[in-house]
Amino acid sequence: VILAGASVTIVTYSRNDVINQLYGVVLLPVSVAFIFYALYQYLRRTKMIRQKEPGPYVDIVGPTTLTVILMASIMTQFFVKLHAFMYD
């Protein structure tokens, strides 16, 4: 939720800067993916607890995937800003 708030704030306060708006727009789907993943995990674990399943409750693939996506979006924005800084 904080990531979504940050991306909306970036888009709101960067009215004339297209690069910053692009960063906010790219970050928004990543934050929505985090929110839906958290909801999915909550519902899955709740179901497992209600049905008294022994587990496993740990997910290794989901957080790793989300982290790679977040790192890729931040690195992409860094290189876009670096390119704009060097050639403008």
N, C-alpha and C. Protein backbone atom coordinates (compact mmCIF):
# COMPACT_ATOMS: atom_id res chain seq x y z
N VAL A 1 0.83 -1.18 0.00
CA VAL A 1 0.00 0.00 0.00
C VAL A 1 0.88 1.25 0.00
N ILE A 2 1.97 1.20 0.72
CA ILE A 2 2.88 2.34 0.75
C ILE A 2 3.51 2.56 -0.61
N LEU A 3 3.85 1.48 -1.29
CA LEU A 3 4.42 1.58 -2.63
C LEU A 3 3.42 2.19 -3.61
N ALA A 4 2.15 1.81 -3.50
CA ALA A 4 1.11 2.39 -4.35
C ALA A 4 0.93 3.87 -4.05
N GLY A 5 0.96 4.22 -2.78
CA GLY A 5 0.86 5.63 -2.41
C GLY A 5 2.03 6.45 -2.92
N ALA A 6 3.20 5.85 -2.88
CA ALA A 6 4.38 6.55 -3.41
C ALA A 6 4.28 6.76 -4.91
N SER A 7 3.80 5.75 -5.63
CA SER A 7 3.70 5.90 -7.08
C SER A 7 2.65 6.93 -7.47
N VAL A 8 1.53 6.96 -6.76
CA VAL A 8 0.50 7.97 -7.03
C VAL A 8 1.03 9.37 -6.70
N THR A 9 1.78 9.49 -5.63
CA THR A 9 2.36 10.78 -5.26
C THR A 9 3.37 11.24 -6.30
N ILE A 10 4.17 10.34 -6.81
CA ILE A 10 5.14 10.70 -7.86
C ILE A 10 4.43 11.20 -9.10
N VAL A 11 3.37 10.51 -9.50
CA VAL A 11 2.63 10.94 -10.68
C VAL A 11 1.95 12.29 -10.43
N THR A 12 1.42 12.50 -9.24
CA THR A 12 0.72 13.74 -8.92
C THR A 12 1.64 14.94 -8.92
N TYR A 13 2.80 14.82 -8.31
CA TYR A 13 3.69 15.96 -8.16
C TYR A 13 4.68 16.15 -9.31
N SER A 14 4.66 15.30 -10.29
CA SER A 14 5.54 15.48 -11.44
C SER A 14 4.72 15.79 -12.68
N ARG A 15 4.04 16.89 -12.63
CA ARG A 15 3.10 17.25 -13.70
C ARG A 15 3.79 17.53 -15.02
N ASN A 16 4.92 18.19 -15.01
CA ASN A 16 5.57 18.58 -16.26
C ASN A 16 6.75 17.68 -16.63
N ASP A 17 7.16 16.81 -15.75
CA ASP A 17 8.31 15.95 -15.99
C ASP A 17 7.84 14.57 -16.44
N VAL A 18 8.01 14.27 -17.71
CA VAL A 18 7.52 13.02 -18.28
C VAL A 18 8.26 11.81 -17.71
N ILE A 19 9.53 11.97 -17.42
CA ILE A 19 10.32 10.84 -16.91
C ILE A 19 9.83 10.43 -15.52
N ASN A 20 9.56 11.40 -14.67
CA ASN A 20 9.05 11.06 -13.34
C ASN A 20 7.64 10.48 -13.41
N GLN A 21 6.83 10.97 -14.32
CA GLN A 21 5.50 10.39 -14.49
C GLN A 21 5.60 8.94 -14.96
N LEU A 22 6.54 8.69 -15.85
CA LEU A 22 6.75 7.33 -16.32
C LEU A 22 7.15 6.42 -15.17
N TYR A 23 7.99 6.92 -14.28
CA TYR A 23 8.40 6.13 -13.12
C TYR A 23 7.21 5.78 -12.24
N GLY A 24 6.34 6.76 -11.99
CA GLY A 24 5.16 6.50 -11.19
C GLY A 24 4.21 5.52 -11.84
N VAL A 25 4.06 5.63 -13.16
CA VAL A 25 3.16 4.73 -13.89
C VAL A 25 3.73 3.31 -13.93
N VAL A 26 5.04 3.17 -14.04
CA VAL A 26 5.66 1.83 -14.03
C VAL A 26 5.60 1.22 -12.63
N LEU A 27 5.72 2.03 -11.62
CA LEU A 27 5.72 1.53 -10.25
C LEU A 27 4.33 1.12 -9.78
N LEU A 28 3.30 1.72 -10.34
CA LEU A 28 1.94 1.42 -9.90
C LEU A 28 1.54 -0.05 -10.14
N PRO A 29 1.75 -0.64 -11.32
CA PRO A 29 1.40 -2.06 -11.47
C PRO A 29 2.22 -2.98 -10.57
N VAL A 30 3.45 -2.60 -10.29
CA VAL A 30 4.27 -3.41 -9.38
C VAL A 30 3.65 -3.39 -7.98
N SER A 31 3.21 -2.22 -7.54
CA SER A 31 2.60 -2.13 -6.22
C SER A 31 1.26 -2.87 -6.17
N VAL A 32 0.50 -2.83 -7.24
CA VAL A 32 -0.75 -3.58 -7.29
C VAL A 32 -0.48 -5.08 -7.26
N ALA A 33 0.59 -5.51 -7.91
CA ALA A 33 0.97 -6.93 -7.86
C ALA A 33 1.31 -7.34 -6.43
N PHE A 34 2.00 -6.49 -5.69
CA PHE A 34 2.31 -6.77 -4.29
C PHE A 34 1.03 -6.91 -3.47
N ILE A 35 0.06 -6.01 -3.71
CA ILE A 35 -1.19 -6.04 -2.96
C ILE A 35 -1.97 -7.31 -3.25
N PHE A 36 -2.08 -7.69 -4.53
CA PHE A 36 -2.83 -8.89 -4.87
C PHE A 36 -2.12 -10.16 -4.39
N TYR A 37 -0.80 -10.16 -4.39
CA TYR A 37 -0.07 -11.30 -3.87
C TYR A 37 -0.31 -11.45 -2.37
N ALA A 38 -0.30 -10.35 -1.65
CA ALA A 38 -0.56 -10.40 -0.20
C ALA A 38 -1.97 -10.91 0.07
N LEU A 39 -2.94 -10.47 -0.72
CA LEU A 39 -4.30 -10.94 -0.56
C LEU A 39 -4.40 -12.43 -0.85
N TYR A 40 -3.75 -12.87 -1.92
CA TYR A 40 -3.76 -14.29 -2.27
C TYR A 40 -3.15 -15.14 -1.14
N GLN A 41 -2.02 -14.71 -0.62
CA GLN A 41 -1.37 -15.46 0.45
C GLN A 41 -2.24 -15.50 1.71
N TYR A 42 -2.87 -14.37 2.02
CA TYR A 42 -3.74 -14.33 3.19
C TYR A 42 -4.89 -15.32 3.04
N LEU A 43 -5.55 -15.31 1.87
CA LEU A 43 -6.68 -16.21 1.65
C LEU A 43 -6.24 -17.67 1.64
N ARG A 44 -5.09 -17.94 1.04
CA ARG A 44 -4.59 -19.32 0.98
C ARG A 44 -4.24 -19.83 2.38
N ARG A 45 -3.58 -19.02 3.16
CA ARG A 45 -3.20 -19.46 4.52
C ARG A 45 -4.42 -19.58 5.42
N THR A 46 -5.39 -18.69 5.26
CA THR A 46 -6.61 -18.78 6.04
C THR A 46 -7.34 -20.08 5.75
N LYS A 47 -7.41 -20.44 4.49
CA LYS A 47 -8.06 -21.69 4.09
C LYS A 47 -7.31 -22.88 4.67
N MET A 48 -5.98 -22.82 4.64
CA MET A 48 -5.19 -23.93 5.18
C MET A 48 -5.40 -24.07 6.69
N ILE A 49 -5.51 -22.95 7.39
CA ILE A 49 -5.71 -23.01 8.84
C ILE A 49 -7.09 -23.55 9.16
N ARG A 50 -8.10 -23.09 8.41
CA ARG A 50 -9.47 -23.56 8.65
C ARG A 50 -9.61 -25.06 8.40
N GLN A 51 -8.92 -25.55 7.39
CA GLN A 51 -9.00 -26.97 7.06
C GLN A 51 -7.99 -27.80 7.85
N LYS A 52 -7.24 -27.13 8.72
CA LYS A 52 -6.25 -27.77 9.59
C LYS A 52 -5.22 -28.57 8.80
N GLU A 53 -4.77 -27.98 7.69
CA GLU A 53 -3.73 -28.61 6.88
C GLU A 53 -2.38 -28.39 7.57
N PRO A 54 -1.48 -29.36 7.48
CA PRO A 54 -0.21 -29.24 8.18
C PRO A 54 0.76 -28.24 7.56
N GLY A 55 0.56 -27.83 6.33
CA GLY A 55 1.46 -26.86 5.73
C GLY A 55 1.98 -27.37 4.41
N PRO A 56 2.96 -26.82 3.85
CA PRO A 56 3.80 -25.71 4.30
C PRO A 56 3.13 -24.35 4.06
N TYR A 57 3.38 -23.44 4.96
CA TYR A 57 2.85 -22.10 4.87
C TYR A 57 3.82 -21.13 4.21
N VAL A 58 4.99 -21.59 3.90
CA VAL A 58 6.05 -20.75 3.35
C VAL A 58 5.98 -20.76 1.83
N ASP A 59 6.15 -19.57 1.24
CA ASP A 59 6.22 -19.45 -0.22
C ASP A 59 7.56 -18.80 -0.56
N ILE A 60 8.35 -19.46 -1.36
CA ILE A 60 9.67 -18.95 -1.72
C ILE A 60 9.63 -18.24 -3.07
N VAL A 61 8.84 -18.74 -3.98
CA VAL A 61 8.84 -18.21 -5.35
C VAL A 61 8.20 -16.83 -5.44
N GLY A 62 7.09 -16.61 -4.74
CA GLY A 62 6.36 -15.35 -4.84
C GLY A 62 7.17 -14.12 -4.42
N PRO A 63 7.73 -14.10 -3.22
CA PRO A 63 8.51 -12.93 -2.81
C PRO A 63 9.75 -12.70 -3.68
N THR A 64 10.37 -13.77 -4.13
CA THR A 64 11.53 -13.63 -5.00
C THR A 64 11.14 -13.00 -6.33
N THR A 65 10.03 -13.45 -6.90
CA THR A 65 9.55 -12.90 -8.16
C THR A 65 9.19 -11.42 -8.01
N LEU A 66 8.48 -11.09 -6.95
CA LEU A 66 8.10 -9.70 -6.73
C LEU A 66 9.32 -8.81 -6.52
N THR A 67 10.32 -9.32 -5.83
CA THR A 67 11.54 -8.55 -5.60
C THR A 67 12.29 -8.31 -6.91
N VAL A 68 12.36 -9.32 -7.75
CA VAL A 68 13.03 -9.15 -9.04
C VAL A 68 12.29 -8.14 -9.91
N ILE A 69 10.97 -8.19 -9.91
CA ILE A 69 10.18 -7.23 -10.68
C ILE A 69 10.39 -5.81 -10.15
N LEU A 70 10.39 -5.64 -8.84
CA LEU A 70 10.61 -4.32 -8.25
C LEU A 70 12.01 -3.80 -8.57
N MET A 71 13.01 -4.67 -8.45
CA MET A 71 14.38 -4.26 -8.78
C MET A 71 14.51 -3.88 -10.25
N ALA A 72 13.85 -4.63 -11.13
CA ALA A 72 13.90 -4.33 -12.56
C ALA A 72 13.26 -2.98 -12.86
N SER A 73 12.14 -2.68 -12.21
CA SER A 73 11.50 -1.39 -12.47
C SER A 73 12.34 -0.23 -11.94
N ILE A 74 12.96 -0.40 -10.79
CA ILE A 74 13.81 0.67 -10.24
C ILE A 74 15.07 0.84 -11.08
N MET A 75 15.67 -0.26 -11.52
CA MET A 75 16.87 -0.15 -12.35
C MET A 75 16.54 0.45 -13.72
N THR A 76 15.40 0.10 -14.27
CA THR A 76 14.99 0.70 -15.55
C THR A 76 14.83 2.20 -15.40
N GLN A 77 14.19 2.63 -14.34
CA GLN A 77 14.02 4.07 -14.13
C GLN A 77 15.37 4.75 -13.91
N PHE A 78 16.28 4.11 -13.21
CA PHE A 78 17.60 4.68 -13.00
C PHE A 78 18.31 4.89 -14.33
N PHE A 79 18.27 3.88 -15.21
CA PHE A 79 18.95 4.01 -16.49
C PHE A 79 18.27 5.02 -17.41
N VAL A 80 16.95 5.14 -17.31
CA VAL A 80 16.25 6.17 -18.09
C VAL A 80 16.67 7.56 -17.63
N LYS A 81 16.73 7.76 -16.32
CA LYS A 81 17.17 9.07 -15.80
C LYS A 81 18.64 9.33 -16.13
N LEU A 82 19.46 8.32 -16.06
CA LEU A 82 20.87 8.47 -16.39
C LEU A 82 21.03 8.84 -17.87
N HIS A 83 20.27 8.20 -18.72
CA HIS A 83 20.32 8.52 -20.15
C HIS A 83 19.83 9.95 -20.40
N ALA A 84 18.78 10.35 -19.74
CA ALA A 84 18.28 11.72 -19.89
C ALA A 84 19.28 12.74 -19.37
N PHE A 85 19.98 12.40 -18.28
CA PHE A 85 20.96 13.31 -17.71
C PHE A 85 22.17 13.45 -18.62
N MET A 86 22.61 12.36 -19.22
CA MET A 86 23.82 12.40 -20.03
C MET A 86 23.58 13.03 -21.40
N TYR A 87 22.39 12.88 -21.95
CA TYR A 87 22.16 13.34 -23.32
C TYR A 87 21.27 14.57 -23.43
N ASP A 88 20.91 15.17 -22.32
CA ASP A 88 20.12 16.41 -22.37
C ASP A 88 20.91 17.59 -21.88
